[in-house]
Amino acid sequence: MFTDLSTEEFRQQFASGADSDYQFIDVREEEEYAEGHIPGAANIPLSEFMARADEISEDAPVLLVCNTGVRSSQAALFLASMGYEEIYNLEEGTKGWLQRGYAVDRLQTP
């Protein structure tokens, strides 16, 4: 299965640099990701997730995020079914991150 993390648990365990050897994946669609994502998160949209799962290593923890934790939990269940062992879901998503006033990165548009 996978472990749900609150925003504060994520910041303590991962964002503080205590565990820098992890994969952080935002499963929102490209447009949502471009509008603002948690620093350090790579984008693999849920709509492409199954086809691109081979981009995710089984050798490092995987932390998944979306807007509210629903799509990322679907991605987490998929990875668990594929045999991944250390999977985390940011249960409050990017929305919870923003509600606390934390910074996001935005992609430059041409």
PDB file of N, CA and C in Angstrom:
ATOM      1  N   MET A   1       0.829  -1.193   0.000  1.00  0.00           N
ATOM      2  CA  MET A   1       0.000   0.000   0.000  1.00  0.00           C
ATOM      3  C   MET A   1       0.873   1.257   0.000  1.00  0.00           C
ATOM      4  N   PHE A   2       0.329   2.349   0.494  1.00  0.00           N
ATOM      5  CA  PHE A   2       1.060   3.607   0.539  1.00  0.00           C
ATOM      6  C   PHE A   2       0.723   4.334   1.836  1.00  0.00           C
ATOM      7  N   THR A   3       1.506   5.350   2.137  1.00  0.00           N
ATOM      8  CA  THR A   3       1.329   6.134   3.356  1.00  0.00           C
ATOM      9  C   THR A   3       0.896   7.547   2.998  1.00  0.00           C
ATOM     10  N   ASP A   4      -0.183   8.013   3.625  1.00  0.00           N
ATOM     11  CA  ASP A   4      -0.596   9.403   3.467  1.00  0.00           C
ATOM     12  C   ASP A   4       0.261  10.281   4.365  1.00  0.00           C
ATOM     13  N   LEU A   5       0.686  11.419   3.829  1.00  0.00           N
ATOM     14  CA  LEU A   5       1.454  12.394   4.604  1.00  0.00           C
ATOM     15  C   LEU A   5       0.722  13.725   4.593  1.00  0.00           C
ATOM     16  N   SER A   6       0.696  14.401   5.727  1.00  0.00           N
ATOM     17  CA  SER A   6       0.187  15.767   5.757  1.00  0.00           C
ATOM     18  C   SER A   6       1.281  16.678   5.198  1.00  0.00           C
ATOM     19  N   THR A   7       0.911  17.910   4.931  1.00  0.00           N
ATOM     20  CA  THR A   7       1.883  18.881   4.438  1.00  0.00           C
ATOM     21  C   THR A   7       3.033  19.034   5.422  1.00  0.00           C
ATOM     22  N   GLU A   8       2.707  19.105   6.709  1.00  0.00           N
ATOM     23  CA  GLU A   8       3.760  19.274   7.720  1.00  0.00           C
ATOM     24  C   GLU A   8       4.656  18.042   7.814  1.00  0.00           C
ATOM     25  N   GLU A   9       4.072  16.851   7.723  1.00  0.00           N
ATOM     26  CA  GLU A   9       4.892  15.631   7.740  1.00  0.00           C
ATOM     27  C   GLU A   9       5.828  15.608   6.537  1.00  0.00           C
ATOM     28  N   PHE A  10       5.318  16.009   5.380  1.00  0.00           N
ATOM     29  CA  PHE A  10       6.162  16.078   4.185  1.00  0.00           C
ATOM     30  C   PHE A  10       7.323  17.040   4.402  1.00  0.00           C
ATOM     31  N   ARG A  11       7.024  18.224   4.924  1.00  0.00           N
ATOM     32  CA  ARG A  11       8.079  19.219   5.128  1.00  0.00           C
ATOM     33  C   ARG A  11       9.133  18.716   6.118  1.00  0.00           C
ATOM     34  N   GLN A  12       8.703  18.014   7.164  1.00  0.00           N
ATOM     35  CA  GLN A  12       9.650  17.500   8.154  1.00  0.00           C
ATOM     36  C   GLN A  12      10.485  16.354   7.597  1.00  0.00           C
ATOM     37  N   GLN A  13       9.835  15.452   6.869  1.00  0.00           N
ATOM     38  CA  GLN A  13      10.526  14.234   6.432  1.00  0.00           C
ATOM     39  C   GLN A  13      11.289  14.413   5.128  1.00  0.00           C
ATOM     40  N   PHE A  14      10.758  15.208   4.199  1.00  0.00           N
ATOM     41  CA  PHE A  14      11.364  15.291   2.878  1.00  0.00           C
ATOM     42  C   PHE A  14      11.893  16.680   2.532  1.00  0.00           C
ATOM     43  N   ALA A  15      11.070  17.703   2.682  1.00  0.00           N
ATOM     44  CA  ALA A  15      11.460  19.043   2.226  1.00  0.00           C
ATOM     45  C   ALA A  15      12.608  19.623   3.048  1.00  0.00           C
ATOM     46  N   SER A  16      12.810  19.142   4.249  1.00  0.00           N
ATOM     47  CA  SER A  16      13.891  19.651   5.091  1.00  0.00           C
ATOM     48  C   SER A  16      15.257  19.167   4.625  1.00  0.00           C
ATOM     49  N   GLY A  17      15.261  18.217   3.694  1.00  0.00           N
ATOM     50  CA  GLY A  17      16.516  17.659   3.212  1.00  0.00           C
ATOM     51  C   GLY A  17      16.956  16.451   4.018  1.00  0.00           C
ATOM     52  N   ALA A  18      16.155  16.060   5.024  1.00  0.00           N
ATOM     53  CA  ALA A  18      16.506  14.902   5.844  1.00  0.00           C
ATOM     54  C   ALA A  18      16.585  13.635   4.989  1.00  0.00           C
ATOM     55  N   ASP A  19      15.681  13.516   4.018  1.00  0.00           N
ATOM     56  CA  ASP A  19      15.698  12.381   3.098  1.00  0.00           C
ATOM     57  C   ASP A  19      15.707  12.957   1.693  1.00  0.00           C
ATOM     58  N   SER A  20      16.896  13.175   1.154  1.00  0.00           N
ATOM     59  CA  SER A  20      16.992  13.811  -0.157  1.00  0.00           C
ATOM     60  C   SER A  20      16.976  12.797  -1.290  1.00  0.00           C
ATOM     61  N   ASP A  21      16.950  11.522  -0.962  1.00  0.00           N
ATOM     62  CA  ASP A  21      16.977  10.480  -1.976  1.00  0.00           C
ATOM     63  C   ASP A  21      15.561   9.943  -2.197  1.00  0.00           C
ATOM     64  N   TYR A  22      14.736  10.745  -2.856  1.00  0.00           N
ATOM     65  CA  TYR A  22      13.367  10.330  -3.141  1.00  0.00           C
ATOM     66  C   TYR A  22      12.931  10.932  -4.473  1.00  0.00           C
ATOM     67  N   GLN A  23      11.845  10.402  -5.007  1.00  0.00           N
ATOM     68  CA  GLN A  23      11.281  10.894  -6.258  1.00  0.00           C
ATOM     69  C   GLN A  23       9.978  11.611  -5.928  1.00  0.00           C
ATOM     70  N   PHE A  24       9.838  12.840  -6.372  1.00  0.00           N
ATOM     71  CA  PHE A  24       8.678  13.655  -6.062  1.00  0.00           C
ATOM     72  C   PHE A  24       7.943  13.923  -7.369  1.00  0.00           C
ATOM     73  N   ILE A  25       6.723  13.402  -7.485  1.00  0.00           N
ATOM     74  CA  ILE A  25       6.003  13.452  -8.753  1.00  0.00           C
ATOM     75  C   ILE A  25       4.630  14.087  -8.575  1.00  0.00           C
ATOM     76  N   ASP A  26       4.370  15.115  -9.381  1.00  0.00           N
ATOM     77  CA  ASP A  26       3.079  15.797  -9.430  1.00  0.00           C
ATOM     78  C   ASP A  26       2.296  15.152 -10.573  1.00  0.00           C
ATOM     79  N   VAL A  27       1.131  14.577 -10.261  1.00  0.00           N
ATOM     80  CA  VAL A  27       0.361  13.847 -11.271  1.00  0.00           C
ATOM     81  C   VAL A  27      -0.741  14.693 -11.918  1.00  0.00           C
ATOM     82  N   ARG A  28      -0.744  15.997 -11.636  1.00  0.00           N
ATOM     83  CA  ARG A  28      -1.735  16.869 -12.287  1.00  0.00           C
ATOM     84  C   ARG A  28      -1.377  17.034 -13.764  1.00  0.00           C
ATOM     85  N   GLU A  29      -2.318  17.514 -14.529  1.00  0.00           N
ATOM     86  CA  GLU A  29      -2.081  17.733 -15.953  1.00  0.00           C
ATOM     87  C   GLU A  29      -1.075  18.869 -16.142  1.00  0.00           C
ATOM     88  N   GLU A  30      -0.459  18.909 -17.312  1.00  0.00           N
ATOM     89  CA  GLU A  30       0.621  19.861 -17.581  1.00  0.00           C
ATOM     90  C   GLU A  30       0.217  21.312 -17.308  1.00  0.00           C
ATOM     91  N   GLU A  31      -1.012  21.686 -17.675  1.00  0.00           N
ATOM     92  CA  GLU A  31      -1.455  23.066 -17.478  1.00  0.00           C
ATOM     93  C   GLU A  31      -1.519  23.406 -15.984  1.00  0.00           C
ATOM     94  N   GLU A  32      -2.025  22.473 -15.179  1.00  0.00           N
ATOM     95  CA  GLU A  32      -2.111  22.691 -13.733  1.00  0.00           C
ATOM     96  C   GLU A  32      -0.713  22.819 -13.132  1.00  0.00           C
ATOM     97  N   TYR A  33       0.173  21.931 -13.558  1.00  0.00           N
ATOM     98  CA  TYR A  33       1.554  21.929 -13.082  1.00  0.00           C
ATOM     99  C   TYR A  33       2.233  23.259 -13.404  1.00  0.00           C
ATOM    100  N   ALA A  34       2.027  23.755 -14.626  1.00  0.00           N
ATOM    101  CA  ALA A  34       2.658  25.000 -15.064  1.00  0.00           C
ATOM    102  C   ALA A  34       2.181  26.185 -14.239  1.00  0.00           C
ATOM    103  N   GLU A  35       0.915  26.161 -13.814  1.00  0.00           N
ATOM    104  CA  GLU A  35       0.345  27.265 -13.042  1.00  0.00           C
ATOM    105  C   GLU A  35       0.964  27.390 -11.658  1.00  0.00           C
ATOM    106  N   GLY A  36       1.471  26.305 -11.118  1.00  0.00           N
ATOM    107  CA  GLY A  36       2.130  26.349  -9.823  1.00  0.00           C
ATOM    108  C   GLY A  36       2.264  24.969  -9.223  1.00  0.00           C
ATOM    109  N   HIS A  37       3.497  24.583  -8.917  1.00  0.00           N
ATOM    110  CA  HIS A  37       3.755  23.265  -8.323  1.00  0.00           C
ATOM    111  C   HIS A  37       4.749  23.400  -7.178  1.00  0.00           C
ATOM    112  N   ILE A  38       4.721  22.426  -6.302  1.00  0.00           N
ATOM    113  CA  ILE A  38       5.631  22.417  -5.156  1.00  0.00           C
ATOM    114  C   ILE A  38       7.057  22.264  -5.675  1.00  0.00           C
ATOM    115  N   PRO A  39       7.984  23.105  -5.207  1.00  0.00           N
ATOM    116  CA  PRO A  39       9.364  23.022  -5.674  1.00  0.00           C
ATOM    117  C   PRO A  39       9.930  21.605  -5.562  1.00  0.00           C
ATOM    118  N   GLY A  40      10.586  21.179  -6.631  1.00  0.00           N
ATOM    119  CA  GLY A  40      11.218  19.866  -6.657  1.00  0.00           C
ATOM    120  C   GLY A  40      10.376  18.770  -7.280  1.00  0.00           C
ATOM    121  N   ALA A  41       9.107  19.061  -7.542  1.00  0.00           N
ATOM    122  CA  ALA A  41       8.221  18.039  -8.103  1.00  0.00           C
ATOM    123  C   ALA A  41       8.366  17.968  -9.616  1.00  0.00           C
ATOM    124  N   ALA A  42       8.530  16.754 -10.130  1.00  0.00           N
ATOM    125  CA  ALA A  42       8.518  16.509 -11.570  1.00  0.00           C
ATOM    126  C   ALA A  42       7.073  16.240 -11.977  1.00  0.00           C
ATOM    127  N   ASN A  43       6.771  16.367 -13.256  1.00  0.00           N
ATOM    128  CA  ASN A  43       5.393  16.201 -13.723  1.00  0.00           C
ATOM    129  C   ASN A  43       5.243  14.944 -14.564  1.00  0.00           C
ATOM    130  N   ILE A  44       4.417  14.028 -14.084  1.00  0.00           N
ATOM    131  CA  ILE A  44       3.946  12.890 -14.874  1.00  0.00           C
ATOM    132  C   ILE A  44       2.429  12.872 -14.691  1.00  0.00           C
ATOM    133  N   PRO A  45       1.673  13.450 -15.630  1.00  0.00           N
ATOM    134  CA  PRO A  45       0.218  13.527 -15.481  1.00  0.00           C
ATOM    135  C   PRO A  45      -0.410  12.147 -15.295  1.00  0.00           C
ATOM    136  N   LEU A  46      -1.461  12.107 -14.484  1.00  0.00           N
ATOM    137  CA  LEU A  46      -2.155  10.843 -14.243  1.00  0.00           C
ATOM    138  C   LEU A  46      -2.617  10.213 -15.551  1.00  0.00           C
ATOM    139  N   SER A  47      -3.010  11.045 -16.526  1.00  0.00           N
ATOM    140  CA  SER A  47      -3.473  10.527 -17.813  1.00  0.00           C
ATOM    141  C   SER A  47      -2.376   9.778 -18.568  1.00  0.00           C
ATOM    142  N   GLU A  48      -1.107  10.002 -18.202  1.00  0.00           N
ATOM    143  CA  GLU A  48       0.032   9.332 -18.840  1.00  0.00           C
ATOM    144  C   GLU A  48       0.755   8.390 -17.876  1.00  0.00           C
ATOM    145  N   PHE A  49       0.279   8.321 -16.661  1.00  0.00           N
ATOM    146  CA  PHE A  49       1.025   7.677 -15.586  1.00  0.00           C
ATOM    147  C   PHE A  49       1.339   6.206 -15.853  1.00  0.00           C
ATOM    148  N   MET A  50       0.347   5.447 -16.271  1.00  0.00           N
ATOM    149  CA  MET A  50       0.577   4.019 -16.505  1.00  0.00           C
ATOM    150  C   MET A  50       1.601   3.803 -17.618  1.00  0.00           C
ATOM    151  N   ALA A  51       1.528   4.602 -18.663  1.00  0.00           N
ATOM    152  CA  ALA A  51       2.451   4.471 -19.791  1.00  0.00           C
ATOM    153  C   ALA A  51       3.866   4.916 -19.435  1.00  0.00           C
ATOM    154  N   ARG A  52       3.991   5.791 -18.450  1.00  0.00           N
ATOM    155  CA  ARG A  52       5.303   6.341 -18.100  1.00  0.00           C
ATOM    156  C   ARG A  52       5.859   5.815 -16.775  1.00  0.00           C
ATOM    157  N   ALA A  53       5.222   4.811 -16.212  1.00  0.00           N
ATOM    158  CA  ALA A  53       5.652   4.284 -14.906  1.00  0.00           C
ATOM    159  C   ALA A  53       7.094   3.794 -14.924  1.00  0.00           C
ATOM    160  N   ASP A  54       7.593   3.398 -16.086  1.00  0.00           N
ATOM    161  CA  ASP A  54       8.979   2.922 -16.160  1.00  0.00           C
ATOM    162  C   ASP A  54       9.988   4.039 -15.898  1.00  0.00           C
ATOM    163  N   GLU A  55       9.538   5.292 -15.862  1.00  0.00           N
ATOM    164  CA  GLU A  55      10.415   6.422 -15.535  1.00  0.00           C
ATOM    165  C   GLU A  55      10.643   6.536 -14.030  1.00  0.00           C
ATOM    166  N   ILE A  56       9.886   5.772 -13.248  1.00  0.00           N
ATOM    167  CA  ILE A  56       9.937   5.860 -11.788  1.00  0.00           C
ATOM    168  C   ILE A  56      10.718   4.670 -11.245  1.00  0.00           C
ATOM    169  N   SER A  57      11.789   4.949 -10.549  1.00  0.00           N
ATOM    170  CA  SER A  57      12.637   3.896  -9.994  1.00  0.00           C
ATOM    171  C   SER A  57      11.963   3.218  -8.799  1.00  0.00           C
ATOM    172  N   GLU A  58      12.165   1.926  -8.698  1.00  0.00           N
ATOM    173  CA  GLU A  58      11.674   1.188  -7.528  1.00  0.00           C
ATOM    174  C   GLU A  58      12.669   1.251  -6.373  1.00  0.00           C
ATOM    175  N   ASP A  59      13.837   1.830  -6.618  1.00  0.00           N
ATOM    176  CA  ASP A  59      14.923   1.826  -5.641  1.00  0.00           C
ATOM    177  C   ASP A  59      14.940   3.028  -4.700  1.00  0.00           C
ATOM    178  N   ALA A  60      14.025   3.963  -4.887  1.00  0.00           N
ATOM    179  CA  ALA A  60      13.973   5.140  -4.022  1.00  0.00           C
ATOM    180  C   ALA A  60      12.516   5.419  -3.674  1.00  0.00           C
ATOM    181  N   PRO A  61      12.259   6.007  -2.510  1.00  0.00           N
ATOM    182  CA  PRO A  61      10.885   6.341  -2.143  1.00  0.00           C
ATOM    183  C   PRO A  61      10.228   7.227  -3.202  1.00  0.00           C
ATOM    184  N   VAL A  62       8.926   7.054  -3.365  1.00  0.00           N
ATOM    185  CA  VAL A  62       8.152   7.848  -4.320  1.00  0.00           C
ATOM    186  C   VAL A  62       7.123   8.654  -3.544  1.00  0.00           C
ATOM    187  N   LEU A  63       7.156   9.969  -3.734  1.00  0.00           N
ATOM    188  CA  LEU A  63       6.183  10.862  -3.116  1.00  0.00           C
ATOM    189  C   LEU A  63       5.330  11.437  -4.228  1.00  0.00           C
ATOM    190  N   LEU A  64       4.012  11.281  -4.103  1.00  0.00           N
ATOM    191  CA  LEU A  64       3.080  11.712  -5.138  1.00  0.00           C
ATOM    192  C   LEU A  64       2.208  12.853  -4.635  1.00  0.00           C
ATOM    193  N   VAL A  65       1.893  13.789  -5.538  1.00  0.00           N
ATOM    194  CA  VAL A  65       1.048  14.928  -5.189  1.00  0.00           C
ATOM    195  C   VAL A  65       0.149  15.275  -6.374  1.00  0.00           C
ATOM    196  N   CYS A  66      -1.033  15.802  -6.065  1.00  0.00           N
ATOM    197  CA  CYS A  66      -1.920  16.368  -7.077  1.00  0.00           C
ATOM    198  C   CYS A  66      -2.495  17.643  -6.474  1.00  0.00           C
ATOM    199  N   ASN A  67      -3.745  17.968  -6.759  1.00  0.00           N
ATOM    200  CA  ASN A  67      -4.334  19.178  -6.190  1.00  0.00           C
ATOM    201  C   ASN A  67      -4.858  18.954  -4.779  1.00  0.00           C
ATOM    202  N   THR A  68      -5.559  17.815  -4.564  1.00  0.00           N
ATOM    203  CA  THR A  68      -6.173  17.566  -3.251  1.00  0.00           C
ATOM    204  C   THR A  68      -5.853  16.193  -2.668  1.00  0.00           C
ATOM    205  N   GLY A  69      -5.050  15.393  -3.346  1.00  0.00           N
ATOM    206  CA  GLY A  69      -4.687  14.077  -2.833  1.00  0.00           C
ATOM    207  C   GLY A  69      -5.468  12.921  -3.428  1.00  0.00           C
ATOM    208  N   VAL A  70      -6.451  13.199  -4.283  1.00  0.00           N
ATOM    209  CA  VAL A  70      -7.277  12.129  -4.852  1.00  0.00           C
ATOM    210  C   VAL A  70      -6.565  11.435  -6.014  1.00  0.00           C
ATOM    211  N   ARG A  71      -6.134  12.215  -7.008  1.00  0.00           N
ATOM    212  CA  ARG A  71      -5.448  11.601  -8.163  1.00  0.00           C
ATOM    213  C   ARG A  71      -4.120  10.974  -7.750  1.00  0.00           C
ATOM    214  N   SER A  72      -3.424  11.624  -6.828  1.00  0.00           N
ATOM    215  CA  SER A  72      -2.142  11.066  -6.391  1.00  0.00           C
ATOM    216  C   SER A  72      -2.340   9.752  -5.638  1.00  0.00           C
ATOM    217  N   SER A  73      -3.459   9.608  -4.926  1.00  0.00           N
ATOM    218  CA  SER A  73      -3.714   8.322  -4.254  1.00  0.00           C
ATOM    219  C   SER A  73      -4.009   7.235  -5.289  1.00  0.00           C
ATOM    220  N   GLN A  74      -4.636   7.595  -6.418  1.00  0.00           N
ATOM    221  CA  GLN A  74      -4.854   6.624  -7.489  1.00  0.00           C
ATOM    222  C   GLN A  74      -3.518   6.176  -8.076  1.00  0.00           C
ATOM    223  N   ALA A  75      -2.615   7.122  -8.281  1.00  0.00           N
ATOM    224  CA  ALA A  75      -1.280   6.795  -8.783  1.00  0.00           C
ATOM    225  C   ALA A  75      -0.533   5.921  -7.776  1.00  0.00           C
ATOM    226  N   ALA A  76      -0.683   6.229  -6.490  1.00  0.00           N
ATOM    227  CA  ALA A  76      -0.026   5.439  -5.441  1.00  0.00           C
ATOM    228  C   ALA A  76      -0.538   3.999  -5.445  1.00  0.00           C
ATOM    229  N   LEU A  77      -1.836   3.826  -5.589  1.00  0.00           N
ATOM    230  CA  LEU A  77      -2.396   2.469  -5.658  1.00  0.00           C
ATOM    231  C   LEU A  77      -1.862   1.712  -6.862  1.00  0.00           C
ATOM    232  N   PHE A  78      -1.731   2.395  -7.989  1.00  0.00           N
ATOM    233  CA  PHE A  78      -1.181   1.760  -9.181  1.00  0.00           C
ATOM    234  C   PHE A  78       0.257   1.296  -8.936  1.00  0.00           C
ATOM    235  N   LEU A  79       1.092   2.180  -8.366  1.00  0.00           N
ATOM    236  CA  LEU A  79       2.483   1.800  -8.093  1.00  0.00           C
ATOM    237  C   LEU A  79       2.549   0.639  -7.103  1.00  0.00           C
ATOM    238  N   ALA A  80       1.692   0.659  -6.103  1.00  0.00           N
ATOM    239  CA  ALA A  80       1.667  -0.444  -5.133  1.00  0.00           C
ATOM    240  C   ALA A  80       1.326  -1.750  -5.833  1.00  0.00           C
ATOM    241  N   SER A  81       0.400  -1.706  -6.784  1.00  0.00           N
ATOM    242  CA  SER A  81       0.026  -2.924  -7.515  1.00  0.00           C
ATOM    243  C   SER A  81       1.161  -3.418  -8.398  1.00  0.00           C
ATOM    244  N   MET A  82       2.089  -2.516  -8.744  1.00  0.00           N
ATOM    245  CA  MET A  82       3.251  -2.878  -9.567  1.00  0.00           C
ATOM    246  C   MET A  82       4.431  -3.362  -8.713  1.00  0.00           C
ATOM    247  N   GLY A  83       4.271  -3.353  -7.397  1.00  0.00           N
ATOM    248  CA  GLY A  83       5.320  -3.871  -6.531  1.00  0.00           C
ATOM    249  C   GLY A  83       6.204  -2.823  -5.879  1.00  0.00           C
ATOM    250  N   TYR A  84       5.938  -1.563  -6.111  1.00  0.00           N
ATOM    251  CA  TYR A  84       6.703  -0.510  -5.434  1.00  0.00           C
ATOM    252  C   TYR A  84       6.394  -0.599  -3.944  1.00  0.00           C
ATOM    253  N   GLU A  85       7.404  -0.357  -3.123  1.00  0.00           N
ATOM    254  CA  GLU A  85       7.218  -0.577  -1.694  1.00  0.00           C
ATOM    255  C   GLU A  85       7.113   0.694  -0.866  1.00  0.00           C
ATOM    256  N   GLU A  86       7.895   1.706  -1.193  1.00  0.00           N
ATOM    257  CA  GLU A  86       7.898   2.914  -0.359  1.00  0.00           C
ATOM    258  C   GLU A  86       7.239   4.058  -1.128  1.00  0.00           C
ATOM    259  N   ILE A  87       5.923   4.212  -0.901  1.00  0.00           N
ATOM    260  CA  ILE A  87       5.113   5.181  -1.632  1.00  0.00           C
ATOM    261  C   ILE A  87       4.406   6.092  -0.632  1.00  0.00           C
ATOM    262  N   TYR A  88       4.445   7.387  -0.912  1.00  0.00           N
ATOM    263  CA  TYR A  88       3.802   8.374  -0.052  1.00  0.00           C
ATOM    264  C   TYR A  88       2.863   9.248  -0.883  1.00  0.00           C
ATOM    265  N   ASN A  89       1.736   9.596  -0.296  1.00  0.00           N
ATOM    266  CA  ASN A  89       0.766  10.465  -0.932  1.00  0.00           C
ATOM    267  C   ASN A  89       0.616  11.725  -0.092  1.00  0.00           C
ATOM    268  N   LEU A  90       0.828  12.879  -0.710  1.00  0.00           N
ATOM    269  CA  LEU A  90       0.631  14.144   0.000  1.00  0.00           C
ATOM    270  C   LEU A  90      -0.868  14.401   0.026  1.00  0.00           C
ATOM    271  N   GLU A  91      -1.498  14.026   1.152  1.00  0.00           N
ATOM    272  CA  GLU A  91      -2.951  13.946   1.221  1.00  0.00           C
ATOM    273  C   GLU A  91      -3.664  15.287   1.083  1.00  0.00           C
ATOM    274  N   GLU A  92      -3.004  16.380   1.384  1.00  0.00           N
ATOM    275  CA  GLU A  92      -3.642  17.692   1.260  1.00  0.00           C
ATOM    276  C   GLU A  92      -3.311  18.352  -0.075  1.00  0.00           C
ATOM    277  N   GLY A  93      -2.444  17.720  -0.842  1.00  0.00           N
ATOM    278  CA  GLY A  93      -2.100  18.184  -2.172  1.00  0.00           C
ATOM    279  C   GLY A  93      -1.512  19.581  -2.227  1.00  0.00           C
ATOM    280  N   THR A  94      -1.423  20.070  -3.454  1.00  0.00           N
ATOM    281  CA  THR A  94      -0.910  21.412  -3.687  1.00  0.00           C
ATOM    282  C   THR A  94      -1.827  22.456  -3.059  1.00  0.00           C
ATOM    283  N   LYS A  95      -3.115  22.164  -3.021  1.00  0.00           N
ATOM    284  CA  LYS A  95      -4.079  23.094  -2.410  1.00  0.00           C
ATOM    285  C   LYS A  95      -3.734  23.319  -0.935  1.00  0.00           C
ATOM    286  N   GLY A  96      -3.459  22.264  -0.191  1.00  0.00           N
ATOM    287  CA  GLY A  96      -3.081  22.389   1.211  1.00  0.00           C
ATOM    288  C   GLY A  96      -1.765  23.131   1.382  1.00  0.00           C
ATOM    289  N   TRP A  97      -0.840  22.899   0.457  1.00  0.00           N
ATOM    290  CA  TRP A  97       0.453  23.585   0.463  1.00  0.00           C
ATOM    291  C   TRP A  97       0.241  25.093   0.332  1.00  0.00           C
ATOM    292  N   LEU A  98      -0.588  25.475  -0.644  1.00  0.00           N
ATOM    293  CA  LEU A  98      -0.858  26.897  -0.883  1.00  0.00           C
ATOM    294  C   LEU A  98      -1.625  27.534   0.273  1.00  0.00           C
ATOM    295  N   GLN A  99      -2.552  26.794   0.879  1.00  0.00           N
ATOM    296  CA  GLN A  99      -3.326  27.324   1.999  1.00  0.00           C
ATOM    297  C   GLN A  99      -2.431  27.700   3.167  1.00  0.00           C
ATOM    298  N   ARG A 100      -1.304  27.048   3.288  1.00  0.00           N
ATOM    299  CA  ARG A 100      -0.356  27.361   4.361  1.00  0.00           C
ATOM    300  C   ARG A 100       0.599  28.484   3.970  1.00  0.00           C
ATOM    301  N   GLY A 101       0.473  28.965   2.743  1.00  0.00           N
ATOM    302  CA  GLY A 101       1.295  30.086   2.307  1.00  0.00           C
ATOM    303  C   GLY A 101       2.677  29.711   1.821  1.00  0.00           C
ATOM    304  N   TYR A 102       2.905  28.428   1.527  1.00  0.00           N
ATOM    305  CA  TYR A 102       4.221  28.006   1.048  1.00  0.00           C
ATOM    306  C   TYR A 102       4.374  28.343  -0.436  1.00  0.00           C
ATOM    307  N   ALA A 103       5.593  28.599  -0.838  1.00  0.00           N
ATOM    308  CA  ALA A 103       5.883  29.000  -2.213  1.00  0.00           C
ATOM    309  C   ALA A 103       5.712  27.843  -3.196  1.00  0.00           C
ATOM    310  N   VAL A 104       5.370  28.208  -4.418  1.00  0.00           N
ATOM    311  CA  VAL A 104       5.307  27.243  -5.518  1.00  0.00           C
ATOM    312  C   VAL A 104       6.171  27.761  -6.659  1.00  0.00           C
ATOM    313  N   ASP A 105       6.617  26.853  -7.497  1.00  0.00           N
ATOM    314  CA  ASP A 105       7.327  27.214  -8.718  1.00  0.00           C
ATOM    315  C   ASP A 105       6.307  27.287  -9.839  1.00  0.00           C
ATOM    316  N   ARG A 106       6.538  28.195 -10.773  1.00  0.00           N
ATOM    317  CA  ARG A 106       5.675  28.314 -11.946  1.00  0.00           C
ATOM    318  C   ARG A 106       6.555  28.205 -13.190  1.00  0.00           C
ATOM    319  N   LEU A 107       6.004  27.600 -14.230  1.00  0.00           N
ATOM    320  CA  LEU A 107       6.728  27.484 -15.484  1.00  0.00           C
ATOM    321  C   LEU A 107       6.554  28.768 -16.289  1.00  0.00           C
ATOM    322  N   GLN A 108       7.625  29.185 -16.939  1.00  0.00           N
ATOM    323  CA  GLN A 108       7.565  30.370 -17.788  1.00  0.00           C
ATOM    324  C   GLN A 108       6.780  30.050 -19.054  1.00  0.00           C
ATOM    325  N   THR A 109       5.881  30.916 -19.428  1.00  0.00           N
ATOM    326  CA  THR A 109       5.159  30.716 -20.682  1.00  0.00           C
ATOM    327  C   THR A 109       5.756  31.642 -21.734  1.00  0.00           C
ATOM    328  N   PRO A 110       5.871  31.165 -22.965  1.00  0.00           N
ATOM    329  CA  PRO A 110       6.527  31.967 -24.011  1.00  0.00           C
ATOM    330  C   PRO A 110       5.752  33.222 -24.361  1.00  0.00           C
TER     331      PRO A 110
END
